[in-house]
Amino acid sequence: PKLTDEMRQALEQHPDGPVAIEDERTQRQYVLLPQDEFHRLLDERLRQELQIGFDQADRGDSVPWDIEATIQEAHRRHAGRAQ
């Protein structure tokens, strides 16, 4: 999809932040932001989640990873989607 003039104007008015957009039909909220900002936020979130795991491991609050169980769970979830 292409930007509408209304979206472009909102981005120009808020060049540093995300722009909230509402779908009038569904009332769902969306966020419009530059792609590089999206990737920065995604990287930041990933680092936060990884740090949580590192901290848990350092405290001994983790269990060994059972790769076979993980693969079986992935297959189960995938099979449930195909239906």
N, C-alpha and C. Protein backbone atom coordinates (compact mmCIF):
# COMPACT_ATOMS: atom_id res chain seq x y z
N PRO A 1 0.83 -1.20 0.00
CA PRO A 1 0.00 0.00 0.00
C PRO A 1 0.87 1.26 0.00
N LYS A 2 0.35 2.29 -0.54
CA LYS A 2 1.03 3.58 -0.60
C LYS A 2 0.50 4.49 0.50
N LEU A 3 1.34 5.44 0.91
CA LEU A 3 0.91 6.43 1.88
C LEU A 3 -0.18 7.31 1.28
N THR A 4 -1.16 7.61 2.08
CA THR A 4 -2.15 8.59 1.65
C THR A 4 -1.63 9.98 1.98
N ASP A 5 -2.24 10.99 1.42
CA ASP A 5 -1.85 12.36 1.74
C ASP A 5 -2.05 12.65 3.22
N GLU A 6 -3.11 12.10 3.79
CA GLU A 6 -3.39 12.30 5.21
C GLU A 6 -2.29 11.68 6.08
N MET A 7 -1.84 10.47 5.71
CA MET A 7 -0.76 9.83 6.46
C MET A 7 0.54 10.62 6.32
N ARG A 8 0.83 11.07 5.11
CA ARG A 8 2.04 11.85 4.87
C ARG A 8 2.04 13.13 5.71
N GLN A 9 0.90 13.79 5.77
CA GLN A 9 0.78 15.01 6.56
C GLN A 9 1.01 14.71 8.05
N ALA A 10 0.45 13.61 8.54
CA ALA A 10 0.64 13.24 9.95
C ALA A 10 2.11 12.95 10.24
N LEU A 11 2.79 12.29 9.31
CA LEU A 11 4.21 12.02 9.49
C LEU A 11 5.03 13.31 9.50
N GLU A 12 4.66 14.25 8.66
CA GLU A 12 5.36 15.53 8.62
C GLU A 12 5.16 16.31 9.93
N GLN A 13 3.99 16.17 10.52
CA GLN A 13 3.69 16.87 11.77
C GLN A 13 4.38 16.22 12.97
N HIS A 14 4.72 14.95 12.85
CA HIS A 14 5.38 14.20 13.93
C HIS A 14 6.59 13.46 13.37
N PRO A 15 7.62 14.18 12.95
CA PRO A 15 8.75 13.54 12.28
C PRO A 15 9.57 12.61 13.18
N ASP A 16 9.51 12.80 14.50
CA ASP A 16 10.33 11.99 15.40
C ASP A 16 9.59 10.83 16.05
N GLY A 17 8.30 10.78 15.90
CA GLY A 17 7.58 9.76 16.64
C GLY A 17 6.74 8.89 15.76
N PRO A 18 6.27 7.83 16.33
CA PRO A 18 5.32 7.02 15.60
C PRO A 18 3.99 7.76 15.49
N VAL A 19 3.26 7.47 14.46
CA VAL A 19 1.96 8.10 14.23
C VAL A 19 0.88 7.03 14.40
N ALA A 20 -0.06 7.27 15.30
CA ALA A 20 -1.16 6.34 15.53
C ALA A 20 -2.20 6.53 14.43
N ILE A 21 -2.66 5.41 13.89
CA ILE A 21 -3.67 5.44 12.83
C ILE A 21 -4.79 4.49 13.24
N GLU A 22 -6.03 4.92 13.03
CA GLU A 22 -7.18 4.07 13.36
C GLU A 22 -7.92 3.71 12.08
N ASP A 23 -8.24 2.43 11.96
CA ASP A 23 -9.08 1.97 10.86
C ASP A 23 -10.52 2.30 11.25
N GLU A 24 -11.16 3.18 10.50
CA GLU A 24 -12.52 3.60 10.85
C GLU A 24 -13.51 2.45 10.82
N ARG A 25 -13.27 1.48 9.96
CA ARG A 25 -14.19 0.34 9.86
C ARG A 25 -14.10 -0.59 11.05
N THR A 26 -12.87 -0.91 11.46
CA THR A 26 -12.68 -1.91 12.51
C THR A 26 -12.34 -1.31 13.87
N GLN A 27 -12.00 -0.03 13.90
CA GLN A 27 -11.53 0.67 15.09
C GLN A 27 -10.21 0.09 15.62
N ARG A 28 -9.51 -0.69 14.81
CA ARG A 28 -8.20 -1.19 15.20
C ARG A 28 -7.19 -0.07 15.08
N GLN A 29 -6.22 -0.08 15.99
CA GLN A 29 -5.18 0.93 16.02
C GLN A 29 -3.91 0.37 15.37
N TYR A 30 -3.23 1.21 14.61
CA TYR A 30 -1.98 0.86 13.96
C TYR A 30 -0.97 1.96 14.26
N VAL A 31 0.30 1.65 14.05
CA VAL A 31 1.35 2.62 14.27
C VAL A 31 2.18 2.72 13.00
N LEU A 32 2.35 3.94 12.54
CA LEU A 32 3.15 4.21 11.35
C LEU A 32 4.45 4.85 11.80
N LEU A 33 5.57 4.23 11.42
CA LEU A 33 6.87 4.78 11.77
C LEU A 33 7.88 4.40 10.70
N PRO A 34 8.98 5.16 10.60
CA PRO A 34 9.98 4.84 9.60
C PRO A 34 10.57 3.45 9.82
N GLN A 35 10.93 2.80 8.75
CA GLN A 35 11.43 1.43 8.83
C GLN A 35 12.66 1.31 9.71
N ASP A 36 13.59 2.26 9.64
CA ASP A 36 14.79 2.17 10.48
C ASP A 36 14.43 2.27 11.96
N GLU A 37 13.41 3.05 12.30
CA GLU A 37 12.95 3.14 13.68
C GLU A 37 12.30 1.82 14.11
N PHE A 38 11.55 1.21 13.22
CA PHE A 38 10.95 -0.09 13.52
C PHE A 38 12.04 -1.10 13.84
N HIS A 39 13.09 -1.16 13.02
CA HIS A 39 14.18 -2.11 13.25
C HIS A 39 14.93 -1.81 14.54
N ARG A 40 15.10 -0.52 14.84
CA ARG A 40 15.76 -0.15 16.10
C ARG A 40 14.94 -0.63 17.30
N LEU A 41 13.63 -0.41 17.25
CA LEU A 41 12.76 -0.86 18.34
C LEU A 41 12.74 -2.37 18.46
N LEU A 42 12.73 -3.06 17.32
CA LEU A 42 12.75 -4.52 17.33
C LEU A 42 14.05 -5.03 17.94
N ASP A 43 15.17 -4.44 17.55
CA ASP A 43 16.47 -4.83 18.12
C ASP A 43 16.51 -4.58 19.62
N GLU A 44 15.98 -3.43 20.04
CA GLU A 44 15.96 -3.09 21.46
C GLU A 44 15.14 -4.12 22.24
N ARG A 45 13.99 -4.47 21.71
CA ARG A 45 13.13 -5.45 22.38
C ARG A 45 13.81 -6.82 22.47
N LEU A 46 14.46 -7.23 21.39
CA LEU A 46 15.17 -8.50 21.39
C LEU A 46 16.27 -8.50 22.44
N ARG A 47 17.03 -7.41 22.51
CA ARG A 47 18.10 -7.32 23.51
C ARG A 47 17.53 -7.40 24.93
N GLN A 48 16.39 -6.76 25.18
CA GLN A 48 15.76 -6.82 26.50
C GLN A 48 15.36 -8.25 26.85
N GLU A 49 14.75 -8.93 25.89
CA GLU A 49 14.30 -10.30 26.14
C GLU A 49 15.49 -11.25 26.35
N LEU A 50 16.54 -11.06 25.56
CA LEU A 50 17.74 -11.88 25.74
C LEU A 50 18.37 -11.62 27.10
N GLN A 51 18.39 -10.36 27.54
CA GLN A 51 18.97 -10.04 28.84
C GLN A 51 18.20 -10.73 29.96
N ILE A 52 16.88 -10.80 29.82
CA ILE A 52 16.07 -11.51 30.82
C ILE A 52 16.54 -12.96 30.91
N GLY A 53 16.72 -13.60 29.75
CA GLY A 53 17.19 -14.99 29.73
C GLY A 53 18.58 -15.14 30.31
N PHE A 54 19.48 -14.21 29.97
CA PHE A 54 20.84 -14.26 30.53
C PHE A 54 20.82 -14.12 32.04
N ASP A 55 20.00 -13.18 32.53
CA ASP A 55 19.89 -12.98 33.98
C ASP A 55 19.33 -14.22 34.66
N GLN A 56 18.33 -14.86 34.06
CA GLN A 56 17.78 -16.08 34.64
C GLN A 56 18.83 -17.18 34.68
N ALA A 57 19.58 -17.32 33.60
CA ALA A 57 20.63 -18.34 33.57
C ALA A 57 21.70 -18.06 34.62
N ASP A 58 22.08 -16.80 34.77
CA ASP A 58 23.08 -16.44 35.78
C ASP A 58 22.61 -16.76 37.19
N ARG A 59 21.30 -16.64 37.44
CA ARG A 59 20.74 -16.96 38.76
C ARG A 59 20.48 -18.46 38.93
N GLY A 60 20.62 -19.21 37.86
CA GLY A 60 20.32 -20.64 37.92
C GLY A 60 18.84 -20.92 37.80
N ASP A 61 18.07 -19.96 37.26
CA ASP A 61 16.62 -20.10 37.13
C ASP A 61 16.21 -20.66 35.78
N SER A 62 17.08 -21.38 35.12
CA SER A 62 16.74 -21.92 33.80
C SER A 62 16.92 -23.43 33.80
N VAL A 63 16.35 -24.05 32.80
CA VAL A 63 16.48 -25.50 32.65
C VAL A 63 17.13 -25.78 31.31
N PRO A 64 17.77 -26.93 31.18
CA PRO A 64 18.38 -27.25 29.88
C PRO A 64 17.33 -27.28 28.78
N TRP A 65 17.74 -26.87 27.59
CA TRP A 65 16.85 -26.82 26.44
C TRP A 65 16.67 -28.21 25.86
N ASP A 66 15.43 -28.63 25.74
CA ASP A 66 15.10 -29.92 25.15
C ASP A 66 14.71 -29.68 23.70
N ILE A 67 15.68 -29.79 22.80
CA ILE A 67 15.44 -29.47 21.39
C ILE A 67 14.39 -30.38 20.77
N GLU A 68 14.38 -31.64 21.15
CA GLU A 68 13.39 -32.57 20.59
C GLU A 68 11.97 -32.15 20.98
N ALA A 69 11.78 -31.75 22.22
CA ALA A 69 10.46 -31.29 22.66
C ALA A 69 10.07 -30.00 21.92
N THR A 70 11.04 -29.14 21.68
CA THR A 70 10.78 -27.90 20.96
C THR A 70 10.36 -28.19 19.53
N ILE A 71 11.04 -29.11 18.88
CA ILE A 71 10.69 -29.49 17.51
C ILE A 71 9.30 -30.12 17.46
N GLN A 72 9.00 -30.99 18.41
CA GLN A 72 7.67 -31.62 18.45
C GLN A 72 6.58 -30.56 18.64
N GLU A 73 6.83 -29.59 19.51
CA GLU A 73 5.86 -28.52 19.73
C GLU A 73 5.67 -27.69 18.47
N ALA A 74 6.76 -27.42 17.75
CA ALA A 74 6.66 -26.67 16.50
C ALA A 74 5.83 -27.44 15.48
N HIS A 75 6.05 -28.73 15.37
CA HIS A 75 5.27 -29.55 14.45
C HIS A 75 3.79 -29.56 14.84
N ARG A 76 3.53 -29.65 16.14
CA ARG A 76 2.15 -29.65 16.63
C ARG A 76 1.46 -28.34 16.28
N ARG A 77 2.15 -27.23 16.50
CA ARG A 77 1.55 -25.92 16.20
C ARG A 77 1.34 -25.75 14.70
N HIS A 78 2.29 -26.20 13.91
CA HIS A 78 2.17 -26.07 12.47
C HIS A 78 1.01 -26.91 11.95
N ALA A 79 0.86 -28.12 12.48
CA ALA A 79 -0.24 -28.98 12.07
C ALA A 79 -1.58 -28.34 12.43
N GLY A 80 -1.66 -27.68 13.56
CA GLY A 80 -2.89 -27.01 13.97
C GLY A 80 -3.26 -25.85 13.06
N ARG A 81 -2.29 -25.20 12.48
CA ARG A 81 -2.54 -24.11 11.54
C ARG A 81 -3.08 -24.59 10.22
N ALA A 82 -2.64 -25.75 9.79
CA ALA A 82 -2.98 -26.28 8.46
C ALA A 82 -4.45 -26.68 8.39
N GLN A 83 -5.10 -26.81 9.50
CA GLN A 83 -6.50 -27.26 9.50
C GLN A 83 -7.45 -26.17 9.14
